[in-house]
PDB file of all heavy atoms in Angstrom:
ATOM      1  N   ARG A   1      66.944 164.820  35.470  1.00  0.00           N
ATOM      2  CA  ARG A   1      66.541 163.840  34.528  1.00  0.00           C
ATOM      3  C   ARG A   1      66.407 164.288  33.107  1.00  0.00           C
ATOM      4  O   ARG A   1      66.196 163.636  32.059  1.00  0.00           O
ATOM      5  CB  ARG A   1      65.241 163.153  34.931  1.00  0.00           C
ATOM      6  CG  ARG A   1      64.024 164.062  34.950  1.00  0.00           C
ATOM      7  CD  ARG A   1      62.804 163.262  35.541  1.00  0.00           C
ATOM      8  NE  ARG A   1      61.541 163.943  35.242  1.00  0.00           N
ATOM      9  CZ  ARG A   1      60.708 163.693  34.286  1.00  0.00           C
ATOM     10  NH1 ARG A   1      60.966 162.660  33.552  1.00  0.00           N
ATOM     11  NH2 ARG A   1      59.688 164.432  34.085  1.00  0.00           N
ATOM     12  N   PHE A   2      66.555 165.694  32.888  1.00  0.00           N
ATOM     13  CA  PHE A   2      66.423 166.375  31.611  1.00  0.00           C
ATOM     14  C   PHE A   2      67.373 165.684  30.529  1.00  0.00           C
ATOM     15  O   PHE A   2      66.976 165.453  29.383  1.00  0.00           O
ATOM     16  CB  PHE A   2      66.715 167.792  31.696  1.00  0.00           C
ATOM     17  CG  PHE A   2      66.372 168.643  30.575  1.00  0.00           C
ATOM     18  CD1 PHE A   2      64.981 168.653  30.050  1.00  0.00           C
ATOM     19  CD2 PHE A   2      67.184 169.446  29.914  1.00  0.00           C
ATOM     20  CE1 PHE A   2      64.680 169.458  29.010  1.00  0.00           C
ATOM     21  CE2 PHE A   2      66.870 170.365  28.938  1.00  0.00           C
ATOM     22  CZ  PHE A   2      65.538 170.363  28.361  1.00  0.00           C
ATOM     23  N   ASP A   3      68.608 165.525  30.891  1.00  0.00           N
ATOM     24  CA  ASP A   3      69.608 165.035  29.847  1.00  0.00           C
ATOM     25  C   ASP A   3      69.122 163.619  29.409  1.00  0.00           C
ATOM     26  O   ASP A   3      69.056 163.478  28.133  1.00  0.00           O
ATOM     27  CB  ASP A   3      70.971 164.804  30.465  1.00  0.00           C
ATOM     28  CG  ASP A   3      71.667 166.167  30.712  1.00  0.00           C
ATOM     29  OD1 ASP A   3      71.640 166.979  29.869  1.00  0.00           O
ATOM     30  OD2 ASP A   3      72.102 166.317  31.828  1.00  0.00           O
ATOM     31  N   HIS A   4      68.712 162.785  30.239  1.00  0.00           N
ATOM     32  CA  HIS A   4      68.232 161.411  29.937  1.00  0.00           C
ATOM     33  C   HIS A   4      66.943 161.418  29.178  1.00  0.00           C
ATOM     34  O   HIS A   4      66.781 160.725  28.205  1.00  0.00           O
ATOM     35  CB  HIS A   4      68.252 160.545  31.161  1.00  0.00           C
ATOM     36  CG  HIS A   4      67.740 159.115  30.889  1.00  0.00           C
ATOM     37  ND1 HIS A   4      66.356 158.860  30.958  1.00  0.00           N
ATOM     38  CD2 HIS A   4      68.317 157.934  30.498  1.00  0.00           C
ATOM     39  CE1 HIS A   4      66.147 157.587  30.649  1.00  0.00           C
ATOM     40  NE2 HIS A   4      67.325 157.029  30.420  1.00  0.00           N
ATOM     41  N   ASP A   5      66.001 162.118  29.818  1.00  0.00           N
ATOM     42  CA  ASP A   5      64.645 162.092  29.280  1.00  0.00           C
ATOM     43  C   ASP A   5      64.291 162.775  28.099  1.00  0.00           C
ATOM     44  O   ASP A   5      63.431 162.514  27.292  1.00  0.00           O
ATOM     45  CB  ASP A   5      63.665 162.449  30.418  1.00  0.00           C
ATOM     46  CG  ASP A   5      63.529 161.460  31.477  1.00  0.00           C
ATOM     47  OD1 ASP A   5      64.232 160.451  31.511  1.00  0.00           O
ATOM     48  OD2 ASP A   5      62.785 161.815  32.437  1.00  0.00           O
ATOM     49  N   ALA A   6      65.108 163.847  27.758  1.00  0.00           N
ATOM     50  CA  ALA A   6      64.838 164.699  26.593  1.00  0.00           C
ATOM     51  C   ALA A   6      66.078 164.851  25.682  1.00  0.00           C
ATOM     52  O   ALA A   6      65.979 164.516  24.638  1.00  0.00           O
ATOM     53  CB  ALA A   6      64.428 166.027  27.132  1.00  0.00           C
ATOM     54  N   LEU A   7      67.179 165.290  26.244  1.00  0.00           N
ATOM     55  CA  LEU A   7      68.239 165.585  25.328  1.00  0.00           C
ATOM     56  C   LEU A   7      69.047 164.432  24.793  1.00  0.00           C
ATOM     57  O   LEU A   7      69.636 164.586  23.766  1.00  0.00           O
ATOM     58  CB  LEU A   7      69.330 166.517  26.140  1.00  0.00           C
ATOM     59  CG  LEU A   7      68.579 167.794  26.696  1.00  0.00           C
ATOM     60  CD1 LEU A   7      69.728 168.585  27.425  1.00  0.00           C
ATOM     61  CD2 LEU A   7      68.072 168.523  25.619  1.00  0.00           C
ATOM     62  N   ALA A   8      68.891 163.315  25.424  1.00  0.00           N
ATOM     63  CA  ALA A   8      69.635 162.148  24.883  1.00  0.00           C
ATOM     64  C   ALA A   8      68.861 161.352  23.813  1.00  0.00           C
ATOM     65  O   ALA A   8      69.424 160.359  23.235  1.00  0.00           O
ATOM     66  CB  ALA A   8      70.033 161.125  26.038  1.00  0.00           C
ATOM     67  N   LEU A   9      67.675 161.822  23.584  1.00  0.00           N
ATOM     68  CA  LEU A   9      66.840 161.089  22.586  1.00  0.00           C
ATOM     69  C   LEU A   9      67.435 161.326  21.157  1.00  0.00           C
ATOM     70  O   LEU A   9      67.902 162.362  20.812  1.00  0.00           O
ATOM     71  CB  LEU A   9      65.397 161.565  22.618  1.00  0.00           C
ATOM     72  CG  LEU A   9      64.687 161.303  23.955  1.00  0.00           C
ATOM     73  CD1 LEU A   9      63.304 161.946  23.976  1.00  0.00           C
ATOM     74  CD2 LEU A   9      64.582 159.861  24.183  1.00  0.00           C
ATOM     75  N   PRO A  10      67.376 160.325  20.318  1.00  0.00           N
ATOM     76  CA  PRO A  10      68.006 160.478  19.012  1.00  0.00           C
ATOM     77  C   PRO A  10      67.225 161.465  18.208  1.00  0.00           C
ATOM     78  O   PRO A  10      65.945 161.616  18.293  1.00  0.00           O
ATOM     79  CB  PRO A  10      67.822 159.115  18.347  1.00  0.00           C
ATOM     80  CG  PRO A  10      66.945 158.318  19.240  1.00  0.00           C
ATOM     81  CD  PRO A  10      66.886 158.973  20.518  1.00  0.00           C
ATOM     82  N   SER A  11      67.947 162.437  17.573  1.00  0.00           N
ATOM     83  CA  SER A  11      67.400 163.359  16.684  1.00  0.00           C
ATOM     84  C   SER A  11      66.492 164.408  17.308  1.00  0.00           C
ATOM     85  O   SER A  11      65.664 165.124  16.634  1.00  0.00           O
ATOM     86  CB  SER A  11      66.602 162.782  15.416  1.00  0.00           C
ATOM     87  OG  SER A  11      67.524 161.904  14.748  1.00  0.00           O
ATOM     88  N   VAL A  12      66.556 164.574  18.649  1.00  0.00           N
ATOM     89  CA  VAL A  12      65.749 165.577  19.323  1.00  0.00           C
ATOM     90  C   VAL A  12      66.150 166.980  18.694  1.00  0.00           C
ATOM     91  O   VAL A  12      67.285 167.296  18.731  1.00  0.00           O
ATOM     92  CB  VAL A  12      65.852 165.539  20.769  1.00  0.00           C
ATOM     93  CG1 VAL A  12      67.214 165.812  21.350  1.00  0.00           C
ATOM     94  CG2 VAL A  12      64.866 166.425  21.495  1.00  0.00           C
ATOM     95  N   ARG A  13      65.198 167.801  18.482  1.00  0.00           N
ATOM     96  CA  ARG A  13      65.322 169.115  17.943  1.00  0.00           C
ATOM     97  C   ARG A  13      64.685 170.270  18.802  1.00  0.00           C
ATOM     98  O   ARG A  13      65.169 171.332  18.808  1.00  0.00           O
ATOM     99  CB  ARG A  13      64.744 169.281  16.480  1.00  0.00           C
ATOM    100  CG  ARG A  13      65.434 168.398  15.566  1.00  0.00           C
ATOM    101  CD  ARG A  13      65.051 168.697  14.092  1.00  0.00           C
ATOM    102  NE  ARG A  13      63.585 168.930  13.923  1.00  0.00           N
ATOM    103  CZ  ARG A  13      62.983 168.710  12.832  1.00  0.00           C
ATOM    104  NH1 ARG A  13      63.515 168.234  11.812  1.00  0.00           N
ATOM    105  NH2 ARG A  13      61.711 169.007  12.741  1.00  0.00           N
ATOM    106  N   SER A  14      63.562 169.789  19.537  1.00  0.00           N
ATOM    107  CA  SER A  14      63.030 170.757  20.428  1.00  0.00           C
ATOM    108  C   SER A  14      62.326 170.134  21.550  1.00  0.00           C
ATOM    109  O   SER A  14      61.985 168.867  21.522  1.00  0.00           O
ATOM    110  CB  SER A  14      61.942 171.579  19.587  1.00  0.00           C
ATOM    111  OG  SER A  14      60.974 170.778  18.987  1.00  0.00           O
ATOM    112  N   VAL A  15      62.169 170.902  22.645  1.00  0.00           N
ATOM    113  CA  VAL A  15      61.598 170.453  23.854  1.00  0.00           C
ATOM    114  C   VAL A  15      60.572 171.429  24.337  1.00  0.00           C
ATOM    115  O   VAL A  15      60.825 172.680  24.267  1.00  0.00           O
ATOM    116  CB  VAL A  15      62.655 170.180  24.942  1.00  0.00           C
ATOM    117  CG1 VAL A  15      61.994 169.938  26.285  1.00  0.00           C
ATOM    118  CG2 VAL A  15      63.685 169.232  24.648  1.00  0.00           C
ATOM    119  N   ILE A  16      59.394 170.980  24.701  1.00  0.00           N
ATOM    120  CA  ILE A  16      58.341 171.840  25.356  1.00  0.00           C
ATOM    121  C   ILE A  16      58.574 171.547  26.847  1.00  0.00           C
ATOM    122  O   ILE A  16      58.385 170.423  27.298  1.00  0.00           O
ATOM    123  CB  ILE A  16      56.955 171.533  24.948  1.00  0.00           C
ATOM    124  CG1 ILE A  16      56.882 171.843  23.470  1.00  0.00           C
ATOM    125  CG2 ILE A  16      55.962 172.335  25.700  1.00  0.00           C
ATOM    126  CD1 ILE A  16      55.548 171.465  22.880  1.00  0.00           C
ATOM    127  N   LEU A  17      58.934 172.643  27.628  1.00  0.00           N
ATOM    128  CA  LEU A  17      59.068 172.394  29.034  1.00  0.00           C
ATOM    129  C   LEU A  17      57.912 173.018  29.830  1.00  0.00           C
ATOM    130  O   LEU A  17      57.704 174.214  29.836  1.00  0.00           O
ATOM    131  CB  LEU A  17      60.383 173.164  29.403  1.00  0.00           C
ATOM    132  CG  LEU A  17      60.796 173.043  30.976  1.00  0.00           C
ATOM    133  CD1 LEU A  17      61.129 171.663  31.280  1.00  0.00           C
ATOM    134  CD2 LEU A  17      61.945 173.998  31.217  1.00  0.00           C
ATOM    135  N   LEU A  18      57.092 172.126  30.441  1.00  0.00           N
ATOM    136  CA  LEU A  18      56.059 172.452  31.250  1.00  0.00           C
ATOM    137  C   LEU A  18      56.201 171.809  32.637  1.00  0.00           C
ATOM    138  O   LEU A  18      56.026 170.693  32.849  1.00  0.00           O
ATOM    139  CB  LEU A  18      54.672 171.958  30.632  1.00  0.00           C
ATOM    140  CG  LEU A  18      53.461 172.179  31.512  1.00  0.00           C
ATOM    141  CD1 LEU A  18      53.248 173.591  31.778  1.00  0.00           C
ATOM    142  CD2 LEU A  18      52.234 171.500  30.807  1.00  0.00           C
ATOM    143  N   GLU A  19      56.816 172.628  33.473  1.00  0.00           N
ATOM    144  CA  GLU A  19      57.190 172.208  34.876  1.00  0.00           C
ATOM    145  C   GLU A  19      56.985 173.407  35.745  1.00  0.00           C
ATOM    146  O   GLU A  19      56.969 174.461  35.293  1.00  0.00           O
ATOM    147  CB  GLU A  19      58.646 171.830  34.987  1.00  0.00           C
ATOM    148  CG  GLU A  19      59.028 170.595  34.333  1.00  0.00           C
ATOM    149  CD  GLU A  19      59.072 169.378  35.127  1.00  0.00           C
ATOM    150  OE1 GLU A  19      58.607 169.465  36.321  1.00  0.00           O
ATOM    151  OE2 GLU A  19      59.409 168.286  34.733  1.00  0.00           O
ATOM    152  N   GLY A  20      56.790 173.140  37.090  1.00  0.00           N
ATOM    153  CA  GLY A  20      56.775 174.208  38.019  1.00  0.00           C
ATOM    154  C   GLY A  20      55.664 174.205  39.040  1.00  0.00           C
ATOM    155  O   GLY A  20      55.847 174.771  40.056  1.00  0.00           O
ATOM    156  N   VAL A  21      54.472 173.716  38.693  1.00  0.00           N
ATOM    157  CA  VAL A  21      53.354 173.851  39.699  1.00  0.00           C
ATOM    158  C   VAL A  21      53.750 173.061  41.006  1.00  0.00           C
ATOM    159  O   VAL A  21      53.390 173.545  42.084  1.00  0.00           O
ATOM    160  CB  VAL A  21      52.013 173.386  39.039  1.00  0.00           C
ATOM    161  CG1 VAL A  21      51.981 171.855  38.848  1.00  0.00           C
ATOM    162  CG2 VAL A  21      50.921 173.876  39.948  1.00  0.00           C
ATOM    163  N   ASN A  22      54.360 171.888  40.856  1.00  0.00           N
ATOM    164  CA  ASN A  22      54.750 171.196  42.058  1.00  0.00           C
ATOM    165  C   ASN A  22      55.890 171.981  42.876  1.00  0.00           C
ATOM    166  O   ASN A  22      55.957 171.794  44.100  1.00  0.00           O
ATOM    167  CB  ASN A  22      55.210 169.805  41.690  1.00  0.00           C
ATOM    168  CG  ASN A  22      54.054 169.039  41.139  1.00  0.00           C
ATOM    169  OD1 ASN A  22      53.024 168.991  41.729  1.00  0.00           O
ATOM    170  ND2 ASN A  22      54.317 168.298  40.079  1.00  0.00           N
ATOM    171  N   ASP A  23      56.724 172.637  42.198  1.00  0.00           N
ATOM    172  CA  ASP A  23      57.673 173.456  42.944  1.00  0.00           C
ATOM    173  C   ASP A  23      56.954 174.592  43.599  1.00  0.00           C
ATOM    174  O   ASP A  23      57.307 174.942  44.750  1.00  0.00           O
ATOM    175  CB  ASP A  23      58.626 174.132  41.914  1.00  0.00           C
ATOM    176  CG  ASP A  23      59.584 173.076  41.236  1.00  0.00           C
ATOM    177  OD1 ASP A  23      60.607 172.836  41.787  1.00  0.00           O
ATOM    178  OD2 ASP A  23      59.222 172.545  40.254  1.00  0.00           O
ATOM    179  N   LEU A  24      55.960 175.208  43.121  1.00  0.00           N
ATOM    180  CA  LEU A  24      55.186 176.235  43.709  1.00  0.00           C
ATOM    181  C   LEU A  24      54.564 175.709  45.005  1.00  0.00           C
ATOM    182  O   LEU A  24      54.538 176.397  45.973  1.00  0.00           O
ATOM    183  CB  LEU A  24      54.034 176.774  42.820  1.00  0.00           C
ATOM    184  CG  LEU A  24      54.477 177.477  41.627  1.00  0.00           C
ATOM    185  CD1 LEU A  24      53.264 178.019  40.778  1.00  0.00           C
ATOM    186  CD2 LEU A  24      55.436 178.701  41.889  1.00  0.00           C
ATOM    187  N   THR A  25      53.994 174.516  44.963  1.00  0.00           N
ATOM    188  CA  THR A  25      53.452 173.921  46.139  1.00  0.00           C
ATOM    189  C   THR A  25      54.517 173.525  47.271  1.00  0.00           C
ATOM    190  O   THR A  25      54.132 173.303  48.394  1.00  0.00           O
ATOM    191  CB  THR A  25      52.564 172.751  45.891  1.00  0.00           C
ATOM    192  OG1 THR A  25      53.281 171.684  45.389  1.00  0.00           O
ATOM    193  CG2 THR A  25      51.406 173.003  44.926  1.00  0.00           C
ATOM    194  N   ALA A  26      55.785 173.608  46.985  1.00  0.00           N
ATOM    195  CA  ALA A  26      56.849 173.415  47.938  1.00  0.00           C
ATOM    196  C   ALA A  26      57.478 174.800  48.356  1.00  0.00           C
ATOM    197  O   ALA A  26      58.494 174.850  48.926  1.00  0.00           O
ATOM    198  CB  ALA A  26      57.941 172.527  47.319  1.00  0.00           C
ATOM    199  N   ASP A  27      56.737 175.864  47.923  1.00  0.00           N
ATOM    200  CA  ASP A  27      57.159 177.208  48.304  1.00  0.00           C
ATOM    201  C   ASP A  27      58.520 177.685  47.833  1.00  0.00           C
ATOM    202  O   ASP A  27      59.190 178.413  48.599  1.00  0.00           O
ATOM    203  CB  ASP A  27      56.927 177.381  49.857  1.00  0.00           C
ATOM    204  CG  ASP A  27      55.498 177.320  50.306  1.00  0.00           C
ATOM    205  OD1 ASP A  27      54.615 177.778  49.518  1.00  0.00           O
ATOM    206  OD2 ASP A  27      55.180 176.648  51.319  1.00  0.00           O
ATOM    207  N   VAL A  28      58.787 177.312  46.652  1.00  0.00           N
ATOM    208  CA  VAL A  28      60.027 177.908  46.032  1.00  0.00           C
ATOM    209  C   VAL A  28      59.748 179.290  45.646  1.00  0.00           C
ATOM    210  O   VAL A  28      58.644 179.691  45.484  1.00  0.00           O
ATOM    211  CB  VAL A  28      60.661 177.086  44.917  1.00  0.00           C
ATOM    212  CG1 VAL A  28      60.924 175.639  45.328  1.00  0.00           C
ATOM    213  CG2 VAL A  28      59.766 177.203  43.737  1.00  0.00           C
ATOM    214  N   THR A  29      60.804 180.082  45.463  1.00  0.00           N
ATOM    215  CA  THR A  29      60.555 181.488  45.046  1.00  0.00           C
ATOM    216  C   THR A  29      60.663 181.520  43.565  1.00  0.00           C
ATOM    217  O   THR A  29      61.076 180.618  42.817  1.00  0.00           O
ATOM    218  CB  THR A  29      61.744 182.437  45.571  1.00  0.00           C
ATOM    219  OG1 THR A  29      62.979 181.955  45.030  1.00  0.00           O
ATOM    220  CG2 THR A  29      61.790 182.291  47.068  1.00  0.00           C
ATOM    221  N   ALA A  30      60.153 182.600  42.997  1.00  0.00           N
ATOM    222  CA  ALA A  30      60.158 182.812  41.614  1.00  0.00           C
ATOM    223  C   ALA A  30      61.623 182.828  40.990  1.00  0.00           C
ATOM    224  O   ALA A  30      61.913 182.209  40.016  1.00  0.00           O
ATOM    225  CB  ALA A  30      59.449 184.110  41.226  1.00  0.00           C
ATOM    226  N   ALA A  31      62.518 183.413  41.805  1.00  0.00           N
ATOM    227  CA  ALA A  31      63.976 183.438  41.386  1.00  0.00           C
ATOM    228  C   ALA A  31      64.576 182.047  41.373  1.00  0.00           C
ATOM    229  O   ALA A  31      65.269 181.856  40.326  1.00  0.00           O
ATOM    230  CB  ALA A  31      64.734 184.443  42.346  1.00  0.00           C
ATOM    231  N   GLN A  32      64.208 181.320  42.301  1.00  0.00           N
ATOM    232  CA  GLN A  32      64.792 179.914  42.282  1.00  0.00           C
ATOM    233  C   GLN A  32      64.236 179.081  41.157  1.00  0.00           C
ATOM    234  O   GLN A  32      64.983 178.363  40.420  1.00  0.00           O
ATOM    235  CB  GLN A  32      64.356 179.134  43.661  1.00  0.00           C
ATOM    236  CG  GLN A  32      65.085 179.686  44.841  1.00  0.00           C
ATOM    237  CD  GLN A  32      64.465 179.107  46.125  1.00  0.00           C
ATOM    238  OE1 GLN A  32      63.205 178.953  46.253  1.00  0.00           O
ATOM    239  NE2 GLN A  32      65.327 178.859  47.083  1.00  0.00           N
ATOM    240  N   LEU A  33      62.978 179.236  40.818  1.00  0.00           N
ATOM    241  CA  LEU A  33      62.384 178.476  39.675  1.00  0.00           C
ATOM    242  C   LEU A  33      62.905 179.004  38.370  1.00  0.00           C
ATOM    243  O   LEU A  33      63.291 178.201  37.493  1.00  0.00           O
ATOM    244  CB  LEU A  33      60.830 178.609  39.734  1.00  0.00           C
ATOM    245  CG  LEU A  33      60.015 177.612  38.863  1.00  0.00           C
ATOM    246  CD1 LEU A  33      60.588 176.167  39.017  1.00  0.00           C
ATOM    247  CD2 LEU A  33      58.607 177.704  39.253  1.00  0.00           C
TER     248      LEU A  33
END
């Protein structure tokens, strides 16, 4: 969803990416994340 929700916005210059805690609870590895 990154392209639609962030990158496709008009005049977007920067994004703060805060994601990952839900991935941790699904037992992904650090390398995968």
